Amino acid sequence: MELIDNINQKYKIVSIIGMAKNAGKTVTLNKIIEDAYYEDINLGITSTGRDGEREDVVTSTEKPAIYVYEESIIATTTGSIEQGDATVEILEVTNYRSSMGNIVLARVVYGGYIEIAGAQTANEMKVLSQKMLNYGAELVLIDGSINRIAVADPTVTEATILATGAVLSRNMDKVIKETLHQKTILSLDEVGIDIKKIIEKNIDKISVIDKEKRVKSVDLKTSLNSGKIIADNIDEDSRYVYIPGCFVTKTLKDLTESTKYYKNIKIIVRDGTKIFISPIDWFKFKKKGIEINVLNRVNIAAITLNPYSPSGYYFDRDNFKDKMDKYIKDVPVYDVMM
């Protein structure tokens, strides 16, 4: 089954996120665009950053360009449109702005290359995605820029494609290990519906919930560097701790070192995009009995592989895919460089 067939008709809005720069995220986007054209699927396309430029503005390395076909709907900036050679019809100028101008919605009249620079917030992205569907897109693709894994937020997109590749490490086993770890975090189980409803009433507050389902809000703006304070609010009756923002290794380390009751609780985060814990630390915390659930599980529709690194080394593509298939059995894996 082709990648496009795995997502078309199942979902309306799909994000593409990369494990690192040059992991093959834009190559994945181009593969879907090309296959959608041949299957007569009208796409909506946007980005959380800047994509489609011929040279990376950070590393000065060559980047894959983005070619769009007639009738595609794009959400990009006024400044980005001027950089491409596709002919577009402006459908709407929005009030959303970036450093490259207002974000506009446009229909491609004559195919060509484009640059895409889209919304900066999750709410803006949700609105733009719906607008593209309203203008006739059958499937919306959101290209998540570097360090914008938050575009996989399940309140924004229905499914996510995770792009990984040799750029992560010269060691293939390490790449597979890190990919499996990211997939595990994004796919964490959701908390029970009863606790979810309780948390949603105070969704922006760090909270401790006890065995009687009573809620104690912790007066903190962030959990960062606050593990000890959160631990001070946990007692023998506590059963859940909800962290609304980013959840990092230090917070969890301080929490577990500051209370003996940590084994009695489940830690709840909004979704896996908010968790920043390395594979090694994750393993250590799991051995200590730490349980982490999410309010909303990220739906990973596929994993794509790029066996080539811009540093000049590469993996044997068949071996790379076979090994990834061996360790990741519940998500389809595609080599988009074939």
C-alpha atoms as a PDB file:
ATOM      1  CA  MET A   1       0.000   0.000   0.000  1.00  0.00           C
ATOM      2  CA  GLU A   2       1.323   3.447  -0.960  1.00  0.00           C
ATOM      3  CA  LEU A   3       1.699   6.131   1.699  1.00  0.00           C
ATOM      4  CA  ILE A   4      -1.071   8.256   0.171  1.00  0.00           C
ATOM      5  CA  ASP A   5      -3.466   5.291   0.297  1.00  0.00           C
ATOM      6  CA  ASN A   6      -2.726   4.845   3.983  1.00  0.00           C
ATOM      7  CA  ILE A   7      -3.939   8.356   4.853  1.00  0.00           C
ATOM      8  CA  ASN A   8      -6.412   9.391   2.158  1.00  0.00           C
ATOM      9  CA  GLN A   9     -10.107   9.102   3.124  1.00  0.00           C
ATOM     10  CA  LYS A  10      -9.086   8.035   6.630  1.00  0.00           C
ATOM     11  CA  TYR A  11      -8.106  11.559   7.660  1.00  0.00           C
ATOM     12  CA  LYS A  12      -8.720  15.160   6.635  1.00  0.00           C
ATOM     13  CA  ILE A  13      -5.768  16.875   8.356  1.00  0.00           C
ATOM     14  CA  VAL A  14      -2.351  15.194   8.643  1.00  0.00           C
ATOM     15  CA  SER A  15       0.906  16.623   9.977  1.00  0.00           C
ATOM     16  CA  ILE A  16       4.422  15.589   8.996  1.00  0.00           C
ATOM     17  CA  ILE A  17       7.076  15.927  11.696  1.00  0.00           C
ATOM     18  CA  GLY A  18      10.788  15.221  11.542  1.00  0.00           C
ATOM     19  CA  MET A  19      12.984  13.600  14.175  1.00  0.00           C
ATOM     20  CA  ALA A  20      15.685  16.098  13.169  1.00  0.00           C
ATOM     21  CA  LYS A  21      16.611  18.487  10.408  1.00  0.00           C
ATOM     22  CA  ASN A  22      17.201  16.594   7.130  1.00  0.00           C
ATOM     23  CA  ALA A  23      15.319  13.508   8.353  1.00  0.00           C
ATOM     24  CA  GLY A  24      13.276  13.498   5.136  1.00  0.00           C
ATOM     25  CA  LYS A  25      10.208  15.477   6.187  1.00  0.00           C
ATOM     26  CA  THR A  26       9.989  17.580   3.022  1.00  0.00           C
ATOM     27  CA  VAL A  27      10.824  14.536   0.871  1.00  0.00           C
ATOM     28  CA  THR A  28       7.854  12.809   2.519  1.00  0.00           C
ATOM     29  CA  LEU A  29       5.659  15.819   1.732  1.00  0.00           C
ATOM     30  CA  ASN A  30       6.756  15.799  -1.915  1.00  0.00           C
ATOM     31  CA  LYS A  31       6.101  12.063  -2.196  1.00  0.00           C
ATOM     32  CA  ILE A  32       2.529  12.517  -0.952  1.00  0.00           C
ATOM     33  CA  ILE A  33       1.977  15.536  -3.232  1.00  0.00           C
ATOM     34  CA  GLU A  34       3.114  13.583  -6.301  1.00  0.00           C
ATOM     35  CA  ASP A  35       1.087  10.466  -5.478  1.00  0.00           C
ATOM     36  CA  ALA A  36      -2.006  12.553  -4.682  1.00  0.00           C
ATOM     37  CA  TYR A  37      -1.756  14.243  -8.075  1.00  0.00           C
ATOM     38  CA  TYR A  38      -1.750  10.916  -9.909  1.00  0.00           C
ATOM     39  CA  GLU A  39      -4.696   9.710  -7.851  1.00  0.00           C
ATOM     40  CA  ASP A  40      -6.602  12.967  -8.465  1.00  0.00           C
ATOM     41  CA  ILE A  41      -6.702  13.947  -4.780  1.00  0.00           C
ATOM     42  CA  ASN A  42      -6.892  17.679  -4.170  1.00  0.00           C
ATOM     43  CA  LEU A  43      -4.506  18.746  -1.410  1.00  0.00           C
ATOM     44  CA  GLY A  44      -4.278  21.623   1.006  1.00  0.00           C
ATOM     45  CA  ILE A  45      -0.671  22.412   1.980  1.00  0.00           C
ATOM     46  CA  THR A  46       0.853  24.598   4.662  1.00  0.00           C
ATOM     47  CA  SER A  47       3.741  24.702   7.137  1.00  0.00           C
ATOM     48  CA  THR A  48       4.470  25.740  10.701  1.00  0.00           C
ATOM     49  CA  GLY A  49       7.731  27.336   9.600  1.00  0.00           C
ATOM     50  CA  ARG A  50       9.386  28.029   6.264  1.00  0.00           C
ATOM     51  CA  ASP A  51       9.695  25.240   3.719  1.00  0.00           C
ATOM     52  CA  GLY A  52      10.375  24.932   0.015  1.00  0.00           C
ATOM     53  CA  GLU A  53      13.337  27.313  -0.121  1.00  0.00           C
ATOM     54  CA  ARG A  54      16.192  26.015  -2.271  1.00  0.00           C
ATOM     55  CA  GLU A  55      18.844  26.611   0.405  1.00  0.00           C
ATOM     56  CA  ASP A  56      18.537  26.153   4.148  1.00  0.00           C
ATOM     57  CA  VAL A  57      18.828  29.572   5.780  1.00  0.00           C
ATOM     58  CA  VAL A  58      20.422  28.002   8.891  1.00  0.00           C
ATOM     59  CA  THR A  59      22.900  25.477   7.469  1.00  0.00           C
ATOM     60  CA  SER A  60      23.335  26.876   3.914  1.00  0.00           C
ATOM     61  CA  THR A  61      22.815  23.355   2.538  1.00  0.00           C
ATOM     62  CA  GLU A  62      20.620  22.477  -0.434  1.00  0.00           C
ATOM     63  CA  LYS A  63      17.009  21.620   0.397  1.00  0.00           C
ATOM     64  CA  PRO A  64      14.343  19.779  -1.594  1.00  0.00           C
ATOM     65  CA  ALA A  65      12.001  22.200  -3.326  1.00  0.00           C
ATOM     66  CA  ILE A  66       8.220  21.815  -3.106  1.00  0.00           C
ATOM     67  CA  TYR A  67       6.280  21.449  -6.356  1.00  0.00           C
ATOM     68  CA  VAL A  68       2.512  21.927  -6.274  1.00  0.00           C
ATOM     69  CA  TYR A  69      -0.023  21.038  -8.940  1.00  0.00           C
ATOM     70  CA  GLU A  70      -3.054  22.874 -10.319  1.00  0.00           C
ATOM     71  CA  GLU A  71      -6.076  23.215  -8.013  1.00  0.00           C
ATOM     72  CA  SER A  72      -4.019  22.648  -4.843  1.00  0.00           C
ATOM     73  CA  ILE A  73      -4.936  24.983  -1.975  1.00  0.00           C
ATOM     74  CA  ILE A  74      -2.043  26.545  -0.090  1.00  0.00           C
ATOM     75  CA  ALA A  75      -1.763  28.633   3.063  1.00  0.00           C
ATOM     76  CA  THR A  76       1.421  30.699   2.963  1.00  0.00           C
ATOM     77  CA  THR A  77       2.643  34.267   3.331  1.00  0.00           C
ATOM     78  CA  THR A  78       2.587  37.122   0.859  1.00  0.00           C
ATOM     79  CA  GLY A  79       6.386  37.180   0.918  1.00  0.00           C
ATOM     80  CA  SER A  80       6.677  33.446   0.259  1.00  0.00           C
ATOM     81  CA  ILE A  81       4.444  33.550  -2.813  1.00  0.00           C
ATOM     82  CA  GLU A  82       6.873  35.960  -4.477  1.00  0.00           C
ATOM     83  CA  GLN A  83       9.722  33.433  -4.064  1.00  0.00           C
ATOM     84  CA  GLY A  84       8.060  30.677  -6.131  1.00  0.00           C
ATOM     85  CA  ASP A  85       7.134  30.284  -9.789  1.00  0.00           C
ATOM     86  CA  ALA A  86       3.709  28.677  -9.375  1.00  0.00           C
ATOM     87  CA  THR A  87       0.826  30.883 -10.534  1.00  0.00           C
ATOM     88  CA  VAL A  88      -1.776  31.258  -7.807  1.00  0.00           C
ATOM     89  CA  GLU A  89      -5.154  32.881  -7.302  1.00  0.00           C
ATOM     90  CA  ILE A  90      -5.503  34.616  -3.930  1.00  0.00           C
ATOM     91  CA  LEU A  91      -8.672  33.388  -2.241  1.00  0.00           C
ATOM     92  CA  GLU A  92      -8.360  35.165   1.093  1.00  0.00           C
ATOM     93  CA  VAL A  93      -5.947  37.402   2.979  1.00  0.00           C
ATOM     94  CA  THR A  94      -6.070  36.535   6.676  1.00  0.00           C
ATOM     95  CA  ASN A  95      -5.202  38.646   9.700  1.00  0.00           C
ATOM     96  CA  TYR A  96      -2.537  36.128  10.713  1.00  0.00           C
ATOM     97  CA  ARG A  97       0.991  37.457  10.280  1.00  0.00           C
ATOM     98  CA  SER A  98       4.549  36.172  10.263  1.00  0.00           C
ATOM     99  CA  SER A  99       7.891  37.830   9.579  1.00  0.00           C
ATOM    100  CA  MET A 100       7.235  37.258   5.856  1.00  0.00           C
ATOM    101  CA  GLY A 101       3.882  39.031   5.769  1.00  0.00           C
ATOM    102  CA  ASN A 102       0.222  38.162   6.104  1.00  0.00           C
ATOM    103  CA  ILE A 103      -0.832  34.560   5.637  1.00  0.00           C
ATOM    104  CA  VAL A 104      -2.995  34.107   2.562  1.00  0.00           C
ATOM    105  CA  LEU A 105      -5.050  31.248   1.199  1.00  0.00           C
ATOM    106  CA  ALA A 106      -4.534  30.620  -2.494  1.00  0.00           C
ATOM    107  CA  ARG A 107      -5.480  28.193  -5.261  1.00  0.00           C
ATOM    108  CA  VAL A 108      -2.749  27.024  -7.636  1.00  0.00           C
ATOM    109  CA  VAL A 109      -3.704  27.954 -11.222  1.00  0.00           C
ATOM    110  CA  TYR A 110      -0.526  26.739 -12.931  1.00  0.00           C
ATOM    111  CA  GLY A 111       1.754  24.249 -11.212  1.00  0.00           C
ATOM    112  CA  GLY A 112       5.214  25.205 -10.053  1.00  0.00           C
ATOM    113  CA  TYR A 113       7.572  25.514  -7.137  1.00  0.00           C
ATOM    114  CA  ILE A 114       6.518  27.329  -3.989  1.00  0.00           C
ATOM    115  CA  GLU A 115       7.764  28.374  -0.598  1.00  0.00           C
ATOM    116  CA  ILE A 116       5.422  27.793   2.317  1.00  0.00           C
ATOM    117  CA  ALA A 117       5.489  29.748   5.565  1.00  0.00           C
ATOM    118  CA  GLY A 118       2.354  29.273   7.623  1.00  0.00           C
ATOM    119  CA  ALA A 119       0.756  29.819  10.992  1.00  0.00           C
ATOM    120  CA  GLN A 120       2.706  30.161  14.224  1.00  0.00           C
ATOM    121  CA  THR A 121       0.129  28.878  16.720  1.00  0.00           C
ATOM    122  CA  ALA A 122      -2.000  25.764  17.060  1.00  0.00           C
ATOM    123  CA  ASN A 123      -5.250  27.741  16.981  1.00  0.00           C
ATOM    124  CA  GLU A 124      -4.249  29.569  13.800  1.00  0.00           C
ATOM    125  CA  MET A 125      -3.283  26.264  12.191  1.00  0.00           C
ATOM    126  CA  LYS A 126      -6.657  24.731  13.075  1.00  0.00           C
ATOM    127  CA  VAL A 127      -8.478  27.668  11.484  1.00  0.00           C
ATOM    128  CA  LEU A 128      -6.330  27.662   8.331  1.00  0.00           C
ATOM    129  CA  SER A 129      -6.698  23.897   7.905  1.00  0.00           C
ATOM    130  CA  GLN A 130     -10.475  24.152   8.075  1.00  0.00           C
ATOM    131  CA  LYS A 131     -10.457  27.034   5.589  1.00  0.00           C
ATOM    132  CA  MET A 132      -8.435  24.949   3.107  1.00  0.00           C
ATOM    133  CA  LEU A 133     -10.994  22.150   3.426  1.00  0.00           C
ATOM    134  CA  ASN A 134     -13.780  24.680   2.869  1.00  0.00           C
ATOM    135  CA  TYR A 135     -12.062  25.904  -0.308  1.00  0.00           C
ATOM    136  CA  GLY A 136     -12.034  22.381  -1.737  1.00  0.00           C
ATOM    137  CA  ALA A 137      -9.041  20.506  -0.347  1.00  0.00           C
ATOM    138  CA  GLU A 138      -9.778  16.832   0.281  1.00  0.00           C
ATOM    139  CA  LEU A 139      -6.697  16.291   2.450  1.00  0.00           C
ATOM    140  CA  VAL A 140      -4.659  18.942   4.310  1.00  0.00           C
ATOM    141  CA  LEU A 141      -0.941  18.381   4.890  1.00  0.00           C
ATOM    142  CA  ILE A 142       0.924  20.401   7.519  1.00  0.00           C
ATOM    143  CA  ASP A 143       4.704  20.395   7.205  1.00  0.00           C
ATOM    144  CA  GLY A 144       6.080  20.747  10.746  1.00  0.00           C
ATOM    145  CA  SER A 145       9.264  22.804  10.794  1.00  0.00           C
ATOM    146  CA  ILE A 146      12.358  22.005  12.880  1.00  0.00           C
ATOM    147  CA  ASN A 147      11.587  21.791  16.607  1.00  0.00           C
ATOM    148  CA  ARG A 148       7.863  22.154  15.863  1.00  0.00           C
ATOM    149  CA  ILE A 149       6.809  18.662  16.861  1.00  0.00           C
ATOM    150  CA  ALA A 150       3.834  20.351  18.561  1.00  0.00           C
ATOM    151  CA  VAL A 151       2.103  20.383  15.164  1.00  0.00           C
ATOM    152  CA  ALA A 152       1.356  16.719  15.901  1.00  0.00           C
ATOM    153  CA  ASP A 153      -0.947  17.941  18.695  1.00  0.00           C
ATOM    154  CA  PRO A 154      -4.052  15.729  18.290  1.00  0.00           C
ATOM    155  CA  THR A 155      -6.307  18.751  18.834  1.00  0.00           C
ATOM    156  CA  VAL A 156      -4.834  20.198  15.603  1.00  0.00           C
ATOM    157  CA  THR A 157      -4.350  17.181  13.334  1.00  0.00           C
ATOM    158  CA  GLU A 158      -6.074  13.826  13.089  1.00  0.00           C
ATOM    159  CA  ALA A 159      -2.900  11.908  12.318  1.00  0.00           C
ATOM    160  CA  THR A 160       0.850  12.365  12.096  1.00  0.00           C
ATOM    161  CA  ILE A 161       3.594  11.020   9.866  1.00  0.00           C
ATOM    162  CA  LEU A 162       6.954  10.708  11.631  1.00  0.00           C
ATOM    163  CA  ALA A 163      10.017  11.201   9.416  1.00  0.00           C
ATOM    164  CA  THR A 164      13.302   9.702  10.592  1.00  0.00           C
ATOM    165  CA  GLY A 165      16.631   8.920   9.022  1.00  0.00           C
ATOM    166  CA  ALA A 166      20.379   8.470   9.018  1.00  0.00           C
ATOM    167  CA  VAL A 167      20.922  12.123   9.943  1.00  0.00           C
ATOM    168  CA  LEU A 168      20.220  11.218  13.593  1.00  0.00           C
ATOM    169  CA  SER A 169      23.340   9.062  13.917  1.00  0.00           C
ATOM    170  CA  ARG A 170      25.912   7.049  12.000  1.00  0.00           C
ATOM    171  CA  ASN A 171      24.771   4.098  14.120  1.00  0.00           C
ATOM    172  CA  MET A 172      21.650   2.545  12.588  1.00  0.00           C
ATOM    173  CA  ASP A 173      20.644   0.849  15.826  1.00  0.00           C
ATOM    174  CA  LYS A 174      20.721   4.198  17.628  1.00  0.00           C
ATOM    175  CA  VAL A 175      18.468   5.746  14.973  1.00  0.00           C
ATOM    176  CA  ILE A 176      15.995   2.888  15.373  1.00  0.00           C
ATOM    177  CA  LYS A 177      16.133   3.169  19.176  1.00  0.00           C
ATOM    178  CA  GLU A 178      15.455   6.918  19.120  1.00  0.00           C
ATOM    179  CA  THR A 179      12.654   6.528  16.576  1.00  0.00           C
ATOM    180  CA  LEU A 180      11.011   3.801  18.639  1.00  0.00           C
ATOM    181  CA  HIS A 181      11.296   6.022  21.722  1.00  0.00           C
ATOM    182  CA  GLN A 182       9.650   8.987  19.974  1.00  0.00           C
ATOM    183  CA  LYS A 183       6.895   6.761  18.648  1.00  0.00           C
ATOM    184  CA  THR A 184       6.339   5.338  22.160  1.00  0.00           C
ATOM    185  CA  ILE A 185       6.005   8.786  23.715  1.00  0.00           C
ATOM    186  CA  LEU A 186       3.676  10.117  21.027  1.00  0.00           C
ATOM    187  CA  SER A 187       1.499   6.985  21.308  1.00  0.00           C
ATOM    188  CA  LEU A 188       1.085   6.920  25.092  1.00  0.00           C
ATOM    189  CA  ASP A 189      -2.276   5.631  26.320  1.00  0.00           C
ATOM    190  CA  GLU A 190      -5.006   8.067  27.248  1.00  0.00           C
ATOM    191  CA  VAL A 191      -6.122   8.408  30.852  1.00  0.00           C
ATOM    192  CA  GLY A 192      -9.588   7.131  31.757  1.00  0.00           C
ATOM    193  CA  ILE A 193     -12.525   9.248  30.631  1.00  0.00           C
ATOM    194  CA  ASP A 194     -13.597  10.069  34.204  1.00  0.00           C
ATOM    195  CA  ILE A 195     -10.240  11.601  35.100  1.00  0.00           C
ATOM    196  CA  LYS A 196     -10.021  13.290  31.700  1.00  0.00           C
ATOM    197  CA  LYS A 197     -13.316  15.104  32.333  1.00  0.00           C
ATOM    198  CA  ILE A 198     -12.063  16.289  35.728  1.00  0.00           C
ATOM    199  CA  ILE A 199      -8.812  17.614  34.270  1.00  0.00           C
ATOM    200  CA  GLU A 200     -10.553  19.377  31.378  1.00  0.00           C
ATOM    201  CA  LYS A 201     -12.358  21.613  33.871  1.00  0.00           C
ATOM    202  CA  ASN A 202      -8.959  23.065  34.890  1.00  0.00           C
ATOM    203  CA  ILE A 203      -6.945  22.254  31.795  1.00  0.00           C
ATOM    204  CA  ASP A 204      -4.350  25.004  32.226  1.00  0.00           C
ATOM    205  CA  LYS A 205      -3.625  24.287  35.891  1.00  0.00           C
ATOM    206  CA  ILE A 206      -1.046  21.931  37.406  1.00  0.00           C
ATOM    207  CA  SER A 207      -3.246  19.686  39.521  1.00  0.00           C
ATOM    208  CA  VAL A 208      -3.087  16.816  41.987  1.00  0.00           C
ATOM    209  CA  ILE A 209      -6.114  14.483  42.123  1.00  0.00           C
ATOM    210  CA  ASP A 210      -6.644  12.173  45.082  1.00  0.00           C
ATOM    211  CA  LYS A 211      -8.350   8.783  45.393  1.00  0.00           C
ATOM    212  CA  GLU A 212     -11.704  10.483  46.075  1.00  0.00           C
ATOM    213  CA  LYS A 213     -11.204  12.458  42.829  1.00  0.00           C
ATOM    214  CA  ARG A 214     -10.793  15.713  44.680  1.00  0.00           C
ATOM    215  CA  VAL A 215      -8.616  18.251  42.859  1.00  0.00           C
ATOM    216  CA  LYS A 216      -5.880  20.399  44.370  1.00  0.00           C
ATOM    217  CA  SER A 217      -4.503  23.083  42.048  1.00  0.00           C
ATOM    218  CA  VAL A 218      -0.812  23.887  42.432  1.00  0.00           C
ATOM    219  CA  ASP A 219      -0.102  27.605  42.163  1.00  0.00           C
ATOM    220  CA  LEU A 220       2.597  27.426  39.505  1.00  0.00           C
ATOM    221  CA  LYS A 221       2.753  28.866  35.990  1.00  0.00           C
ATOM    222  CA  THR A 222       5.014  26.067  34.754  1.00  0.00           C
ATOM    223  CA  SER A 223       6.349  22.712  35.869  1.00  0.00           C
ATOM    224  CA  LEU A 224       9.869  23.618  34.732  1.00  0.00           C
ATOM    225  CA  ASN A 225      12.237  23.588  37.729  1.00  0.00           C
ATOM    226  CA  SER A 226       9.200  22.931  39.934  1.00  0.00           C
ATOM    227  CA  GLY A 227       9.368  19.187  40.582  1.00  0.00           C
ATOM    228  CA  LYS A 228      10.042  19.642  44.297  1.00  0.00           C
ATOM    229  CA  ILE A 229       7.126  22.047  44.731  1.00  0.00           C
ATOM    230  CA  ILE A 230       4.777  19.663  42.937  1.00  0.00           C
ATOM    231  CA  ALA A 231       6.044  16.815  45.127  1.00  0.00           C
ATOM    232  CA  ASP A 232       5.200  18.837  48.253  1.00  0.00           C
ATOM    233  CA  ASN A 233       1.539  18.689  47.161  1.00  0.00           C
ATOM    234  CA  ILE A 234       1.516  14.883  46.831  1.00  0.00           C
ATOM    235  CA  ASP A 235       0.490  12.731  49.797  1.00  0.00           C
ATOM    236  CA  GLU A 236      -0.528   9.137  50.467  1.00  0.00           C
ATOM    237  CA  ASP A 237      -4.013   9.721  49.018  1.00  0.00           C
ATOM    238  CA  SER A 238      -2.810  11.285  45.741  1.00  0.00           C
ATOM    239  CA  ARG A 239      -3.423   9.270  42.580  1.00  0.00           C
ATOM    240  CA  TYR A 240      -2.854  11.618  39.608  1.00  0.00           C
ATOM    241  CA  VAL A 241      -0.651  14.608  38.828  1.00  0.00           C
ATOM    242  CA  TYR A 242      -1.587  16.660  35.777  1.00  0.00           C
ATOM    243  CA  ILE A 243       1.078  18.727  33.979  1.00  0.00           C
ATOM    244  CA  PRO A 244      -0.460  21.017  31.308  1.00  0.00           C
ATOM    245  CA  GLY A 245       2.749  22.257  29.641  1.00  0.00           C
ATOM    246  CA  CYS A 246       6.144  20.806  28.806  1.00  0.00           C
ATOM    247  CA  PHE A 247       7.286  17.860  30.903  1.00  0.00           C
ATOM    248  CA  VAL A 248      11.058  17.427  31.083  1.00  0.00           C
ATOM    249  CA  THR A 249      13.552  15.083  32.706  1.00  0.00           C
ATOM    250  CA  LYS A 250      14.532  17.444  35.542  1.00  0.00           C
ATOM    251  CA  THR A 251      10.939  17.943  36.650  1.00  0.00           C
ATOM    252  CA  LEU A 252      10.368  14.196  36.864  1.00  0.00           C
ATOM    253  CA  LYS A 253      13.729  13.594  38.550  1.00  0.00           C
ATOM    254  CA  ASP A 254      13.062  16.227  41.221  1.00  0.00           C
ATOM    255  CA  LEU A 255       9.545  14.924  41.788  1.00  0.00           C
ATOM    256  CA  THR A 256      10.637  11.317  42.307  1.00  0.00           C
ATOM    257  CA  GLU A 257      13.484  12.352  44.606  1.00  0.00           C
ATOM    258  CA  SER A 258      11.243  14.597  46.723  1.00  0.00           C
ATOM    259  CA  THR A 259       8.350  12.280  47.625  1.00  0.00           C
ATOM    260  CA  LYS A 260       8.049   8.617  48.516  1.00  0.00           C
ATOM    261  CA  TYR A 261       4.495   8.582  47.155  1.00  0.00           C
ATOM    262  CA  TYR A 262       5.462   8.903  43.480  1.00  0.00           C
ATOM    263  CA  LYS A 263       4.781   5.192  42.901  1.00  0.00           C
ATOM    264  CA  ASN A 264       1.142   5.710  43.885  1.00  0.00           C
ATOM    265  CA  ILE A 265       0.441   8.248  41.157  1.00  0.00           C
ATOM    266  CA  LYS A 266      -0.018   8.456  37.420  1.00  0.00           C
ATOM    267  CA  ILE A 267       1.388  11.523  35.706  1.00  0.00           C
ATOM    268  CA  ILE A 268      -0.878  12.995  33.045  1.00  0.00           C
ATOM    269  CA  VAL A 269       0.240  15.350  30.255  1.00  0.00           C
ATOM    270  CA  ARG A 270      -1.833  16.843  27.451  1.00  0.00           C
ATOM    271  CA  ASP A 271      -0.183  14.731  24.753  1.00  0.00           C
ATOM    272  CA  GLY A 272       3.135  13.191  23.815  1.00  0.00           C
ATOM    273  CA  THR A 273       4.389  16.312  22.025  1.00  0.00           C
ATOM    274  CA  LYS A 274       4.810  17.952  25.453  1.00  0.00           C
ATOM    275  CA  ILE A 275       7.241  15.286  26.778  1.00  0.00           C
ATOM    276  CA  PHE A 276      10.996  15.860  26.469  1.00  0.00           C
ATOM    277  CA  ILE A 277      12.734  12.904  28.102  1.00  0.00           C
ATOM    278  CA  SER A 278      15.638  10.998  26.513  1.00  0.00           C
ATOM    279  CA  PRO A 279      15.443   7.249  25.800  1.00  0.00           C
ATOM    280  CA  ILE A 280      17.943   6.474  28.586  1.00  0.00           C
ATOM    281  CA  ASP A 281      16.112   8.564  31.184  1.00  0.00           C
ATOM    282  CA  TRP A 282      12.769   7.161  30.045  1.00  0.00           C
ATOM    283  CA  PHE A 283      14.032   3.619  30.662  1.00  0.00           C
ATOM    284  CA  LYS A 284      15.324   4.579  34.116  1.00  0.00           C
ATOM    285  CA  PHE A 285      12.023   6.160  35.139  1.00  0.00           C
ATOM    286  CA  LYS A 286      10.004   3.199  33.848  1.00  0.00           C
ATOM    287  CA  LYS A 287      12.183   0.869  35.951  1.00  0.00           C
ATOM    288  CA  LYS A 288      11.321   3.002  38.986  1.00  0.00           C
ATOM    289  CA  GLY A 289       7.634   2.401  38.313  1.00  0.00           C
ATOM    290  CA  ILE A 290       6.709   5.766  36.811  1.00  0.00           C
ATOM    291  CA  GLU A 291       3.437   5.723  34.857  1.00  0.00           C
ATOM    292  CA  ILE A 292       2.632   8.455  32.342  1.00  0.00           C
ATOM    293  CA  ASN A 293      -0.641   8.845  30.446  1.00  0.00           C
ATOM    294  CA  VAL A 294      -2.004  11.569  28.176  1.00  0.00           C
ATOM    295  CA  LEU A 295      -5.273  13.401  27.691  1.00  0.00           C
ATOM    296  CA  ASN A 296      -5.036  12.975  23.914  1.00  0.00           C
ATOM    297  CA  ARG A 297      -3.065  10.261  22.147  1.00  0.00           C
ATOM    298  CA  VAL A 298      -1.177  11.166  18.962  1.00  0.00           C
ATOM    299  CA  ASN A 299      -2.254   8.963  16.069  1.00  0.00           C
ATOM    300  CA  ILE A 300       0.873   7.995  14.103  1.00  0.00           C
ATOM    301  CA  ALA A 301      -0.301   7.033  10.621  1.00  0.00           C
ATOM    302  CA  ALA A 302       3.130   6.127   9.240  1.00  0.00           C
ATOM    303  CA  ILE A 303       6.884   6.365   9.714  1.00  0.00           C
ATOM    304  CA  THR A 304       9.068   7.386   6.773  1.00  0.00           C
ATOM    305  CA  LEU A 305      12.755   6.610   6.342  1.00  0.00           C
ATOM    306  CA  ASN A 306      15.584   8.588   4.780  1.00  0.00           C
ATOM    307  CA  PRO A 307      18.698   6.363   4.669  1.00  0.00           C
ATOM    308  CA  TYR A 308      20.909   9.263   3.530  1.00  0.00           C
ATOM    309  CA  SER A 309      22.638  11.921   5.652  1.00  0.00           C
ATOM    310  CA  PRO A 310      23.816  15.282   4.270  1.00  0.00           C
ATOM    311  CA  SER A 311      27.120  14.569   6.040  1.00  0.00           C
ATOM    312  CA  GLY A 312      27.894  12.035   3.313  1.00  0.00           C
ATOM    313  CA  TYR A 313      27.222   8.692   4.987  1.00  0.00           C
ATOM    314  CA  TYR A 314      24.231   6.437   4.370  1.00  0.00           C
ATOM    315  CA  PHE A 315      22.602   3.190   5.473  1.00  0.00           C
ATOM    316  CA  ASP A 316      21.829   0.164   3.357  1.00  0.00           C
ATOM    317  CA  ARG A 317      18.207   1.017   2.600  1.00  0.00           C
ATOM    318  CA  ASP A 318      16.867  -2.545   2.640  1.00  0.00           C
ATOM    319  CA  ASN A 319      18.584  -3.349   5.929  1.00  0.00           C
ATOM    320  CA  PHE A 320      17.381  -0.074   7.448  1.00  0.00           C
ATOM    321  CA  LYS A 321      13.767  -0.724   6.527  1.00  0.00           C
ATOM    322  CA  ASP A 322      13.876  -4.394   7.539  1.00  0.00           C
ATOM    323  CA  LYS A 323      15.245  -3.504  10.967  1.00  0.00           C
ATOM    324  CA  MET A 324      12.717  -0.718  11.496  1.00  0.00           C
ATOM    325  CA  ASP A 325       9.897  -3.079  10.492  1.00  0.00           C
ATOM    326  CA  LYS A 326      11.199  -5.607  13.007  1.00  0.00           C
ATOM    327  CA  TYR A 327      10.948  -3.203  15.949  1.00  0.00           C
ATOM    328  CA  ILE A 328       7.895  -1.208  14.861  1.00  0.00           C
ATOM    329  CA  LYS A 329       5.143  -3.609  13.910  1.00  0.00           C
ATOM    330  CA  ASP A 330       1.979  -1.602  14.531  1.00  0.00           C
ATOM    331  CA  VAL A 331       2.752   1.364  12.242  1.00  0.00           C
ATOM    332  CA  PRO A 332       3.536   1.084   8.497  1.00  0.00           C
ATOM    333  CA  VAL A 333       7.083   2.085   7.542  1.00  0.00           C
ATOM    334  CA  TYR A 334       7.979   3.605   4.147  1.00  0.00           C
ATOM    335  CA  ASP A 335      11.289   4.369   2.450  1.00  0.00           C
ATOM    336  CA  VAL A 336      10.430   7.643   0.699  1.00  0.00           C
ATOM    337  CA  MET A 337      13.780   7.789  -1.112  1.00  0.00           C
ATOM    338  CA  MET A 338      12.984   4.772  -3.311  1.00  0.00           C
END
